[in-house]
Amino acid sequence: MTTFIIGLVILFGGAAVYGKFCEKVFGPDDRETPAYSKQDGVDYIPMRGWKNSLINLLNIAGTGPIFGPIQGILFGPIAFLTIPIGNIIGGAMHDYFSGMICLRDGGTQMPEMIRRYSNKTIYRIYQVFVCVLLLLVGAVFIYTPGDIAATQVFGFDGKATSVSTWVIYGVIFAYYLIATVFPIDTIIGKIYPVFGGILLFSALGVFIGLFVKGYPLVELWGDWAAPAAFIMKDGVQTTFSYQDYFTANHFIPIFFITVACGILSGFHSTQTAIISRTMKSEKQGRNTFYNMMVLEGFIAMVWAAAAMGVYNLGMQEAVASGATATVGVVCRDILGNVGGIVALLGIIVLPITSGDTALRGLRLTIAESFHIDQSTNAKRLSLSAIIFALVAGILVFAKMSPAGFNTLWRYFAWSNQTLSLFAFLAISIWMFENGKGKYVWIPLIPGAFYCFVTVTYIMNAKIGFHIPWPIAYAIGACASVAYVAAILWYGKKRSARKLAK
């Protein structure tokens, strides 16, 4: 487990050093926060620091830090290094600055942040993009926890034709509606500590179990080509090689689209903005935003290792489509039947506690964009009803169509990463306007990389333009250079304009 342990040292050591550096660059102070200056008893409410941190963790940690690493570890032990490095310089930094800028600007939502630090065209594109993504998140995070609950916890078949499937979906749907409409401290603020306890039990239980059970992991310098064997139910043996998978599946960009939330997720910026309205002090930002993303990286590392262990032991077939089954195998093997069920509940909690705030964030985004009053439950409910009708339509399509969910997930994964490019742009311009231009490399490095990743992916993917890889890579490289050049030009222009005023 040496490579795995090295990765954890990079993750937590990097968080201590780079997280403090990011905090120093931003410069939190003792000014009054929006939780006090705009207190309304609904969205602007002062809450304790530990509660804000826990809510933010549950908001951002959907199925991404579990299913993504389970699929991503098929590329081999290099994932144990790329996850922590990407998390520290990309995801955690993205979450911290997104949340802190929204906090300092009065508890604004991300669309307003994009409007302030870009132009009208980019703002309008973002508005459409973020609304579509949040609708997809709402649908995906009903579908995935519903299927895990149906098949892994209750033992149902999870088919679209089964009444039990839709009953479970309906229960999750009802919770989402309640959490979206009522004040944040009424439902989310009270139930999340319970959810958080279950989540931590599942993550720490699996982490400890890796060592107690002695799961065999492949080292970075080990034999990647050694086949892992698995016997199918019909007695047929299948084998798998990490080296073959790495060679055949284009590590860049596929890995960085697959492993989203553990490394970087544009969706997170929409969630950190919500918590910016409940923080008592700017100095709580590092723990609330940066460190909670690091903790999500830890969850991703744990599940990547657990998946590799059961693959190497031949307990589960090493295929990307087997992520849900892999979760069940890991939980029951490490924690037993009872502990496994509790751990599965923790995994179900993750997407549910992201889906509710995704739809809450969508309601707030639409309300602020179109100046819709949200001061009463009735007004919040009327807007939420429209949103939930759209989510229901997407969910029915995904479940009833044979290729519906696969199509939905691919667009969700790509759009999730692409959304981060807007945040990196806004963070860069904010730095130029606030006399921190010399630090613009902080958002530009991950921004340039993910511009290359997302453009290259959509150029080649079947859900995109289906262009051959060599041409897709060339287009991605050109797009990345243009992205950086445009930000530097626009940032210096905005900075000069502000100085002139």
Protein backbone atom coordinates (compact mmCIF):
# COMPACT_ATOMS: atom_id res chain seq x y z
CA MET A 1 0.00 0.00 0.00
CA THR A 2 3.00 2.30 -0.30
CA THR A 3 1.71 4.26 -3.30
CA PHE A 4 -1.67 4.69 -1.60
CA ILE A 5 -0.04 5.99 1.59
CA ILE A 6 2.20 8.37 -0.38
CA GLY A 7 -0.94 9.72 -2.01
CA LEU A 8 -2.54 10.37 1.37
CA VAL A 9 0.58 12.19 2.57
CA ILE A 10 0.46 14.38 -0.55
CA LEU A 11 -3.24 15.05 0.04
CA PHE A 12 -3.08 16.10 3.69
CA GLY A 13 0.40 17.59 3.57
CA GLY A 14 -0.49 19.56 0.47
CA ALA A 15 -3.69 20.79 2.11
CA ALA A 16 -1.76 22.13 5.09
CA VAL A 17 0.74 24.01 2.90
CA TYR A 18 -1.18 25.05 -0.21
CA GLY A 19 -4.42 25.64 1.67
CA LYS A 20 -2.68 28.11 3.97
CA PHE A 21 -1.08 29.78 0.95
CA CYS A 22 -4.46 30.21 -0.78
CA GLU A 23 -5.88 31.66 2.43
CA LYS A 24 -3.01 34.15 2.62
CA VAL A 25 -3.54 35.21 -0.99
CA PHE A 26 -7.25 35.85 -0.45
CA GLY A 27 -6.76 37.59 2.90
CA PRO A 28 -9.84 36.89 5.07
CA ASP A 29 -10.56 39.56 7.69
CA ASP A 30 -13.08 40.48 10.44
CA ARG A 31 -15.65 42.33 8.31
CA GLU A 32 -19.34 41.60 8.89
CA THR A 33 -20.57 38.65 6.85
CA PRO A 34 -23.84 38.48 4.85
CA ALA A 35 -25.24 36.05 7.44
CA TYR A 36 -25.58 39.11 9.72
CA SER A 37 -25.87 42.05 7.31
CA LYS A 38 -28.61 40.38 5.24
CA GLN A 39 -30.12 38.04 7.80
CA ASP A 40 -33.61 36.95 6.60
CA GLY A 41 -34.31 33.72 8.49
CA VAL A 42 -34.41 31.67 5.28
CA ASP A 43 -31.11 31.66 3.33
CA TYR A 44 -29.07 34.26 5.26
CA ILE A 45 -28.71 32.73 8.72
CA PRO A 46 -25.62 32.65 10.99
CA MET A 47 -24.71 29.01 11.74
CA ARG A 48 -21.87 27.39 13.65
CA GLY A 49 -18.60 26.76 11.85
CA TRP A 50 -18.63 22.97 12.24
CA LYS A 51 -22.19 22.82 10.91
CA ASN A 52 -21.30 24.94 7.87
CA SER A 53 -18.33 22.69 7.14
CA LEU A 54 -20.38 19.52 7.45
CA ILE A 55 -23.21 20.88 5.31
CA ASN A 56 -20.75 21.98 2.64
CA LEU A 57 -19.11 18.54 2.61
CA LEU A 58 -22.44 16.82 2.18
CA ASN A 59 -23.49 19.38 -0.45
CA ILE A 60 -20.46 18.78 -2.66
CA ALA A 61 -19.93 15.04 -2.10
CA GLY A 62 -22.39 13.26 -4.40
CA THR A 63 -21.76 9.92 -6.10
CA GLY A 64 -18.68 11.39 -7.79
CA PRO A 65 -16.11 10.63 -5.05
CA ILE A 66 -17.28 6.99 -4.97
CA PHE A 67 -18.32 5.89 -8.45
CA GLY A 68 -15.73 8.06 -10.21
CA PRO A 69 -12.69 6.58 -8.39
CA ILE A 70 -14.11 3.04 -8.67
CA GLN A 71 -14.07 3.48 -12.45
CA GLY A 72 -10.92 5.62 -12.49
CA ILE A 73 -8.76 3.08 -10.62
CA LEU A 74 -9.04 0.83 -13.68
CA PHE A 75 -6.29 3.06 -15.11
CA GLY A 76 -3.94 1.75 -12.41
CA PRO A 77 -2.14 3.04 -9.28
CA ILE A 78 -1.28 6.35 -10.95
CA ALA A 79 -4.72 7.39 -9.69
CA PHE A 80 -3.33 7.38 -6.12
CA LEU A 81 -1.12 10.33 -7.10
CA THR A 82 -3.25 12.22 -9.61
CA ILE A 83 -6.25 12.37 -7.27
CA PRO A 84 -4.44 14.15 -4.39
CA ILE A 85 -2.34 16.44 -6.61
CA GLY A 86 -5.38 17.49 -8.64
CA ASN A 87 -7.44 17.96 -5.50
CA ILE A 88 -4.93 20.26 -3.83
CA ILE A 89 -4.08 22.57 -6.74
CA GLY A 90 -7.39 22.26 -8.56
CA GLY A 91 -10.53 21.23 -6.72
CA ALA A 92 -9.87 22.56 -3.22
CA MET A 93 -8.49 25.84 -4.56
CA HIS A 94 -11.53 26.16 -6.88
CA ASP A 95 -13.95 25.61 -3.98
CA TYR A 96 -12.13 27.97 -1.62
CA PHE A 97 -11.91 30.98 -3.91
CA SER A 98 -15.42 30.47 -5.34
CA GLY A 99 -16.91 30.38 -1.85
CA MET A 100 -14.84 33.24 -0.46
CA ILE A 101 -15.47 35.61 -3.37
CA CYS A 102 -19.21 34.98 -3.12
CA LEU A 103 -18.97 35.53 0.64
CA ARG A 104 -17.11 38.83 0.32
CA ASP A 105 -19.42 40.06 -2.42
CA GLY A 106 -22.44 39.81 -0.14
CA GLY A 107 -23.41 36.16 -0.34
CA THR A 108 -24.00 36.24 -4.09
CA GLN A 109 -24.67 33.09 -6.10
CA MET A 110 -22.26 31.96 -8.80
CA PRO A 111 -24.19 33.51 -11.72
CA GLU A 112 -23.79 36.92 -10.10
CA MET A 113 -20.08 36.23 -9.57
CA ILE A 114 -19.73 35.35 -13.25
CA ARG A 115 -21.68 38.49 -14.23
CA ARG A 116 -19.41 40.73 -12.15
CA TYR A 117 -16.13 39.26 -13.38
CA SER A 118 -16.82 38.55 -17.06
CA ASN A 119 -19.00 40.05 -19.81
CA LYS A 120 -22.65 39.74 -20.83
CA THR A 121 -22.06 37.01 -23.38
CA ILE A 122 -20.18 34.73 -20.99
CA TYR A 123 -22.73 35.47 -18.27
CA ARG A 124 -25.66 34.44 -20.48
CA ILE A 125 -23.89 31.25 -21.57
CA TYR A 126 -23.17 30.43 -17.95
CA GLN A 127 -26.79 31.05 -16.92
CA VAL A 128 -28.05 28.45 -19.37
CA PHE A 129 -25.18 26.08 -18.64
CA VAL A 130 -25.55 26.11 -14.86
CA CYS A 131 -29.33 25.70 -14.94
CA VAL A 132 -29.06 22.68 -17.23
CA LEU A 133 -26.31 21.17 -15.06
CA LEU A 134 -28.28 21.60 -11.84
CA LEU A 135 -31.30 19.97 -13.44
CA LEU A 136 -29.08 17.05 -14.48
CA VAL A 137 -27.62 16.86 -10.98
CA GLY A 138 -31.10 16.74 -9.47
CA ALA A 139 -32.10 13.88 -11.78
CA VAL A 140 -28.83 11.92 -11.44
CA PHE A 141 -28.89 12.24 -7.64
CA ILE A 142 -32.36 10.77 -7.45
CA TYR A 143 -31.53 7.97 -9.87
CA THR A 144 -28.26 6.72 -8.36
CA PRO A 145 -29.16 6.66 -4.63
CA GLY A 146 -32.58 5.26 -5.53
CA ASP A 147 -31.04 2.36 -7.44
CA ILE A 148 -28.49 1.63 -4.70
CA ALA A 149 -31.25 1.62 -2.09
CA ALA A 150 -33.48 -0.60 -4.23
CA THR A 151 -30.87 -3.20 -5.23
CA GLN A 152 -28.26 -3.16 -2.45
CA VAL A 153 -30.33 -2.35 0.67
CA PHE A 154 -33.87 -3.60 0.04
CA GLY A 155 -33.07 -6.37 -2.43
CA PHE A 156 -35.46 -5.22 -5.17
CA ASP A 157 -34.66 -5.53 -8.87
CA GLY A 158 -34.51 -1.76 -9.48
CA LYS A 159 -36.23 -2.07 -12.86
CA ALA A 160 -38.22 0.72 -14.46
CA THR A 161 -41.30 -1.49 -14.48
CA SER A 162 -41.20 -2.16 -10.72
CA VAL A 163 -43.46 -0.14 -8.41
CA SER A 164 -40.81 -0.33 -5.66
CA THR A 165 -38.34 1.60 -7.82
CA TRP A 166 -40.69 4.55 -8.26
CA VAL A 167 -41.77 4.50 -4.62
CA ILE A 168 -38.13 4.93 -3.57
CA TYR A 169 -37.64 7.68 -6.15
CA GLY A 170 -40.79 9.35 -4.83
CA VAL A 171 -39.53 9.37 -1.24
CA ILE A 172 -36.26 11.02 -2.31
CA PHE A 173 -38.23 13.45 -4.48
CA ALA A 174 -40.44 14.44 -1.54
CA TYR A 175 -37.41 15.08 0.67
CA TYR A 176 -35.85 17.24 -2.04
CA LEU A 177 -38.97 19.36 -2.26
CA ILE A 178 -39.07 19.92 1.51
CA ALA A 179 -35.34 20.73 1.70
CA THR A 180 -35.56 23.08 -1.30
CA VAL A 181 -38.47 25.13 0.02
CA PHE A 182 -37.98 25.46 3.78
CA PRO A 183 -35.36 27.65 5.53
CA ILE A 184 -31.88 26.16 5.45
CA ASP A 185 -31.67 25.64 9.23
CA THR A 186 -35.11 23.98 9.44
CA ILE A 187 -34.31 20.81 7.48
CA ILE A 188 -30.73 20.85 6.20
CA GLY A 189 -29.21 22.37 9.33
CA LYS A 190 -30.83 19.76 11.60
CA ILE A 191 -30.70 16.53 9.59
CA TYR A 192 -27.23 16.92 8.06
CA PRO A 193 -25.31 16.18 11.28
CA VAL A 194 -27.03 12.76 11.35
CA PHE A 195 -26.21 12.18 7.69
CA GLY A 196 -22.65 13.32 8.34
CA GLY A 197 -22.20 10.75 11.10
CA ILE A 198 -23.30 7.95 8.77
CA LEU A 199 -21.03 9.25 6.01
CA LEU A 200 -17.96 9.39 8.27
CA PHE A 201 -18.70 5.88 9.57
CA SER A 202 -18.77 4.46 6.06
CA ALA A 203 -15.63 6.29 4.88
CA LEU A 204 -13.53 5.57 8.00
CA GLY A 205 -14.86 2.01 8.21
CA VAL A 206 -13.77 1.21 4.69
CA PHE A 207 -10.41 2.97 5.22
CA ILE A 208 -9.59 0.95 8.34
CA GLY A 209 -10.88 -2.21 6.67
CA LEU A 210 -8.36 -1.81 3.85
CA PHE A 211 -5.56 -2.47 6.34
CA VAL A 212 -7.36 -4.98 8.57
CA LYS A 213 -8.39 -7.10 5.57
CA GLY A 214 -5.02 -6.57 3.91
CA TYR A 215 -6.43 -5.67 0.50
CA PRO A 216 -3.66 -6.12 -2.11
CA LEU A 217 -2.95 -2.97 -4.12
CA VAL A 218 -0.72 -2.51 -7.15
CA GLU A 219 2.24 -0.17 -6.65
CA LEU A 220 3.13 2.57 -9.11
CA TRP A 221 6.47 0.83 -9.72
CA GLY A 222 4.90 -2.66 -9.66
CA ASP A 223 3.67 -5.00 -12.38
CA TRP A 224 0.66 -3.28 -13.98
CA ALA A 225 0.38 -6.04 -16.59
CA ALA A 226 -0.29 -8.87 -14.11
CA PRO A 227 -3.87 -10.04 -14.80
CA ALA A 228 -6.58 -10.01 -12.13
CA ALA A 229 -8.99 -12.94 -12.59
CA PHE A 230 -12.72 -13.07 -11.85
CA ILE A 231 -15.10 -16.03 -12.24
CA MET A 232 -18.48 -15.09 -13.68
CA LYS A 233 -21.72 -16.69 -12.42
CA ASP A 234 -21.79 -18.93 -15.49
CA GLY A 235 -18.32 -20.24 -14.64
CA VAL A 236 -16.49 -18.27 -17.33
CA GLN A 237 -13.22 -16.64 -16.20
CA THR A 238 -12.45 -13.05 -17.18
CA THR A 239 -9.09 -11.34 -16.71
CA PHE A 240 -8.12 -7.70 -16.42
CA SER A 241 -4.84 -5.78 -16.74
CA TYR A 242 -4.36 -2.19 -15.54
CA GLN A 243 -1.65 -1.66 -18.12
CA ASP A 244 -3.91 -2.72 -20.98
CA TYR A 245 -6.73 -0.49 -19.75
CA PHE A 246 -4.38 2.50 -19.34
CA THR A 247 -2.99 2.02 -22.85
CA ALA A 248 -6.36 1.58 -24.55
CA ASN A 249 -8.45 4.28 -22.91
CA HIS A 250 -6.57 7.60 -23.18
CA PHE A 251 -5.73 8.51 -19.58
CA ILE A 252 -5.91 12.17 -20.59
CA PRO A 253 -8.70 13.21 -20.90
CA ILE A 254 -10.88 10.19 -19.94
CA PHE A 255 -9.56 9.78 -16.38
CA PHE A 256 -10.13 13.43 -15.49
CA ILE A 257 -13.69 13.36 -16.79
CA THR A 258 -14.40 10.08 -14.97
CA VAL A 259 -12.94 11.04 -11.57
CA ALA A 260 -14.78 14.29 -11.09
CA CYS A 261 -15.63 15.20 -7.51
CA GLY A 262 -12.50 13.75 -5.90
CA ILE A 263 -10.26 15.96 -8.03
CA LEU A 264 -12.34 18.86 -9.36
CA SER A 265 -16.02 19.59 -9.85
CA GLY A 266 -17.54 22.75 -11.31
CA PHE A 267 -20.78 21.85 -9.52
CA HIS A 268 -19.09 22.63 -6.20
CA SER A 269 -18.99 26.36 -6.90
CA THR A 270 -22.80 26.43 -6.96
CA GLN A 271 -22.84 24.83 -3.51
CA THR A 272 -20.12 26.84 -1.77
CA ALA A 273 -22.08 29.96 -2.70
CA ILE A 274 -25.02 28.69 -0.62
CA ILE A 275 -22.84 28.32 2.48
CA SER A 276 -21.40 31.81 1.97
CA ARG A 277 -24.73 33.07 3.33
CA THR A 278 -24.53 31.25 6.66
CA MET A 279 -20.91 31.84 7.74
CA LYS A 280 -20.18 33.93 10.82
CA SER A 281 -16.62 34.84 9.82
CA GLU A 282 -14.45 34.91 6.71
CA LYS A 283 -11.75 33.14 8.71
CA GLN A 284 -13.89 29.99 8.74
CA GLY A 285 -13.52 29.77 4.97
CA ARG A 286 -10.44 27.58 4.77
CA ASN A 287 -11.97 24.82 6.84
CA THR A 288 -15.43 25.20 5.33
CA PHE A 289 -14.39 25.27 1.67
CA TYR A 290 -10.81 24.12 1.16
CA ASN A 291 -10.55 21.40 3.79
CA MET A 292 -13.94 19.89 3.02
CA MET A 293 -12.88 19.36 -0.58
CA VAL A 294 -9.72 17.71 0.73
CA LEU A 295 -11.88 15.41 2.83
CA GLU A 296 -13.81 14.53 -0.30
CA GLY A 297 -10.48 13.70 -1.93
CA PHE A 298 -9.82 11.33 0.98
CA ILE A 299 -13.15 9.59 0.34
CA ALA A 300 -12.18 9.24 -3.33
CA MET A 301 -8.79 7.75 -2.39
CA VAL A 302 -10.41 5.24 -0.03
CA TRP A 303 -12.88 4.00 -2.63
CA ALA A 304 -10.24 3.80 -5.35
CA ALA A 305 -8.14 1.58 -3.07
CA ALA A 306 -11.12 -0.54 -1.99
CA ALA A 307 -12.14 -1.13 -5.61
CA MET A 308 -8.61 -2.11 -6.61
CA GLY A 309 -8.49 -4.51 -3.67
CA VAL A 310 -11.66 -6.42 -4.61
CA TYR A 311 -10.60 -6.46 -8.27
CA ASN A 312 -7.21 -7.94 -7.38
CA LEU A 313 -8.84 -10.55 -5.11
CA GLY A 314 -11.19 -11.60 -7.87
CA MET A 315 -14.25 -10.68 -5.79
CA GLN A 316 -15.69 -8.36 -8.43
CA GLU A 317 -15.29 -8.05 -12.18
CA ALA A 318 -13.11 -5.06 -13.11
CA VAL A 319 -15.43 -3.18 -15.44
CA ALA A 320 -16.61 0.44 -15.37
CA SER A 321 -20.26 -0.62 -15.53
CA GLY A 322 -19.94 -2.61 -12.29
CA ALA A 323 -19.49 0.35 -9.93
CA THR A 324 -22.78 -0.17 -8.06
CA ALA A 325 -22.05 -3.87 -7.48
CA THR A 326 -18.48 -3.04 -6.37
CA VAL A 327 -19.86 -0.74 -3.66
CA GLY A 328 -21.95 -3.56 -2.22
CA VAL A 329 -19.08 -6.07 -2.33
CA VAL A 330 -16.70 -3.69 -0.51
CA CYS A 331 -19.18 -2.70 2.20
CA ARG A 332 -20.22 -6.23 3.09
CA ASP A 333 -16.74 -7.76 2.89
CA ILE A 334 -15.12 -5.12 5.09
CA LEU A 335 -17.92 -4.28 7.54
CA GLY A 336 -20.11 -7.39 7.53
CA ASN A 337 -23.83 -7.49 6.78
CA VAL A 338 -25.00 -4.99 9.43
CA GLY A 339 -22.06 -2.61 9.08
CA GLY A 340 -22.27 -2.97 5.32
CA ILE A 341 -25.89 -1.81 5.32
CA VAL A 342 -24.96 1.22 7.46
CA ALA A 343 -22.09 2.00 5.08
CA LEU A 344 -24.41 1.71 2.10
CA LEU A 345 -26.75 4.16 3.81
CA GLY A 346 -23.79 6.56 4.07
CA ILE A 347 -23.19 6.18 0.35
CA ILE A 348 -26.86 6.79 -0.39
CA VAL A 349 -26.69 9.92 1.77
CA LEU A 350 -23.96 11.47 -0.40
CA PRO A 351 -25.94 12.05 -3.59
CA ILE A 352 -29.15 12.88 -1.71
CA THR A 353 -27.43 15.64 0.25
CA SER A 354 -26.02 17.06 -2.97
CA GLY A 355 -29.23 16.78 -4.94
CA ASP A 356 -31.31 18.73 -2.42
CA THR A 357 -28.96 21.71 -2.34
CA ALA A 358 -28.43 21.53 -6.12
CA LEU A 359 -32.14 22.15 -6.59
CA ARG A 360 -32.10 24.74 -3.82
CA GLY A 361 -29.24 26.47 -5.62
CA LEU A 362 -31.17 26.32 -8.89
CA ARG A 363 -34.19 27.94 -7.23
CA LEU A 364 -32.02 30.73 -5.83
CA THR A 365 -30.25 31.21 -9.17
CA ILE A 366 -33.49 31.55 -11.13
CA ALA A 367 -35.04 33.78 -8.46
CA GLU A 368 -32.08 36.18 -8.46
CA SER A 369 -31.76 36.22 -12.25
CA PHE A 370 -35.44 37.07 -12.83
CA HIS A 371 -35.97 38.99 -9.57
CA ILE A 372 -38.62 36.57 -8.28
CA ASP A 373 -39.67 37.17 -4.67
CA GLN A 374 -38.93 34.14 -2.45
CA SER A 375 -39.93 35.54 0.94
CA THR A 376 -42.75 33.04 1.64
CA ASN A 377 -43.13 29.26 1.46
CA ALA A 378 -45.88 29.60 -1.15
CA LYS A 379 -43.68 31.65 -3.48
CA ARG A 380 -40.74 29.27 -3.05
CA LEU A 381 -43.03 26.30 -3.64
CA SER A 382 -44.47 27.71 -6.87
CA LEU A 383 -41.01 28.18 -8.39
CA SER A 384 -39.83 24.81 -7.09
CA ALA A 385 -42.83 23.08 -8.69
CA ILE A 386 -41.66 24.13 -12.16
CA ILE A 387 -38.11 22.97 -11.45
CA PHE A 388 -39.25 19.61 -10.07
CA ALA A 389 -41.51 18.98 -13.07
CA LEU A 390 -38.48 19.31 -15.36
CA VAL A 391 -36.39 17.02 -13.14
CA ALA A 392 -39.17 14.44 -13.15
CA GLY A 393 -39.24 14.49 -16.96
CA ILE A 394 -35.46 13.90 -17.16
CA LEU A 395 -35.69 11.10 -14.59
CA VAL A 396 -38.46 9.29 -16.47
CA PHE A 397 -36.47 9.51 -19.73
CA ALA A 398 -33.30 8.22 -18.07
CA LYS A 399 -35.08 5.27 -16.48
CA MET A 400 -37.38 4.26 -19.33
CA SER A 401 -34.90 4.56 -22.21
CA PRO A 402 -32.30 1.73 -22.53
CA ALA A 403 -29.48 4.21 -23.17
CA GLY A 404 -31.09 7.07 -21.25
CA PHE A 405 -29.01 7.04 -18.10
CA ASN A 406 -25.70 6.42 -19.87
CA THR A 407 -26.37 9.44 -22.07
CA LEU A 408 -27.47 11.51 -19.08
CA TRP A 409 -24.37 10.57 -17.06
CA ARG A 410 -21.92 11.35 -19.86
CA TYR A 411 -23.34 14.81 -20.42
CA PHE A 412 -23.46 15.37 -16.66
CA ALA A 413 -19.80 14.39 -16.21
CA TRP A 414 -18.55 16.55 -19.07
CA SER A 415 -20.69 19.60 -18.21
CA ASN A 416 -19.66 19.28 -14.55
CA GLN A 417 -15.99 19.71 -15.42
CA THR A 418 -16.65 22.35 -18.06
CA LEU A 419 -18.52 24.49 -15.54
CA SER A 420 -15.29 24.90 -13.56
CA LEU A 421 -13.79 26.89 -16.43
CA PHE A 422 -16.24 29.71 -15.71
CA ALA A 423 -15.20 29.76 -12.05
CA PHE A 424 -11.48 29.78 -12.88
CA LEU A 425 -12.11 32.70 -15.24
CA ALA A 426 -14.00 34.69 -12.59
CA ILE A 427 -11.38 33.95 -9.91
CA SER A 428 -8.63 35.16 -12.27
CA ILE A 429 -10.42 38.43 -13.06
CA TRP A 430 -11.18 38.97 -9.37
CA MET A 431 -7.46 38.68 -8.67
CA PHE A 432 -6.62 41.27 -11.32
CA GLU A 433 -9.22 43.69 -9.98
CA ASN A 434 -8.09 43.29 -6.36
CA GLY A 435 -4.38 43.82 -6.81
CA LYS A 436 -3.49 40.13 -6.78
CA GLY A 437 -2.61 39.74 -10.45
CA LYS A 438 0.76 38.18 -9.66
CA TYR A 439 -1.09 35.20 -8.21
CA VAL A 440 -3.31 34.61 -11.26
CA TRP A 441 -1.33 31.45 -12.04
CA ILE A 442 -3.20 29.79 -9.13
CA PRO A 443 -6.49 29.47 -11.07
CA LEU A 444 -4.93 29.56 -14.55
CA ILE A 445 -2.88 26.35 -14.20
CA PRO A 446 -5.86 24.07 -13.44
CA GLY A 447 -8.05 26.18 -15.73
CA ALA A 448 -5.77 25.66 -18.71
CA PHE A 449 -5.47 21.94 -18.01
CA TYR A 450 -9.21 21.39 -17.70
CA CYS A 451 -9.91 23.47 -20.78
CA PHE A 452 -7.68 21.03 -22.64
CA VAL A 453 -9.37 18.03 -21.00
CA THR A 454 -12.98 19.07 -21.59
CA VAL A 455 -12.49 20.32 -25.15
CA THR A 456 -10.46 17.25 -26.17
CA TYR A 457 -13.05 14.93 -24.65
CA ILE A 458 -16.11 16.49 -26.30
CA MET A 459 -14.29 16.69 -29.64
CA ASN A 460 -13.69 12.92 -29.63
CA ALA A 461 -16.68 11.58 -27.67
CA LYS A 462 -19.66 9.98 -29.37
CA ILE A 463 -21.92 12.35 -27.44
CA GLY A 464 -19.88 15.19 -28.94
CA PHE A 465 -18.26 15.63 -32.35
CA HIS A 466 -16.64 12.15 -32.70
CA ILE A 467 -13.41 13.58 -34.17
CA PRO A 468 -10.29 11.31 -34.24
CA TRP A 469 -7.99 11.61 -31.23
CA PRO A 470 -5.00 13.37 -32.90
CA ILE A 471 -7.23 16.17 -34.20
CA ALA A 472 -9.16 16.32 -30.91
CA TYR A 473 -5.90 16.77 -28.98
CA ALA A 474 -4.80 19.56 -31.34
CA ILE A 475 -8.11 21.40 -30.94
CA GLY A 476 -7.93 20.96 -27.16
CA ALA A 477 -4.42 22.42 -27.04
CA CYS A 478 -5.43 25.44 -29.14
CA ALA A 479 -8.50 26.01 -26.96
CA SER A 480 -6.38 25.89 -23.80
CA VAL A 481 -3.91 28.47 -25.12
CA ALA A 482 -6.75 30.72 -26.26
CA TYR A 483 -8.47 30.38 -22.87
CA VAL A 484 -5.38 31.53 -20.96
CA ALA A 485 -4.57 34.33 -23.43
CA ALA A 486 -8.13 35.68 -23.31
CA ILE A 487 -8.18 35.73 -19.50
CA LEU A 488 -4.82 37.49 -19.27
CA TRP A 489 -5.87 40.09 -21.85
CA TYR A 490 -9.28 40.70 -20.31
CA GLY A 491 -7.92 40.68 -16.76
CA LYS A 492 -5.28 43.32 -17.48
CA LYS A 493 -7.91 45.41 -19.30
CA ARG A 494 -10.29 45.26 -16.31
CA SER A 495 -7.47 46.02 -13.91
CA ALA A 496 -6.38 49.10 -15.89
CA ARG A 497 -9.99 50.30 -16.10
CA LYS A 498 -10.44 50.00 -12.34
CA LEU A 499 -7.19 51.87 -11.65
CA ALA A 500 -8.30 54.66 -13.99
CA LYS A 501 -11.53 55.09 -12.02
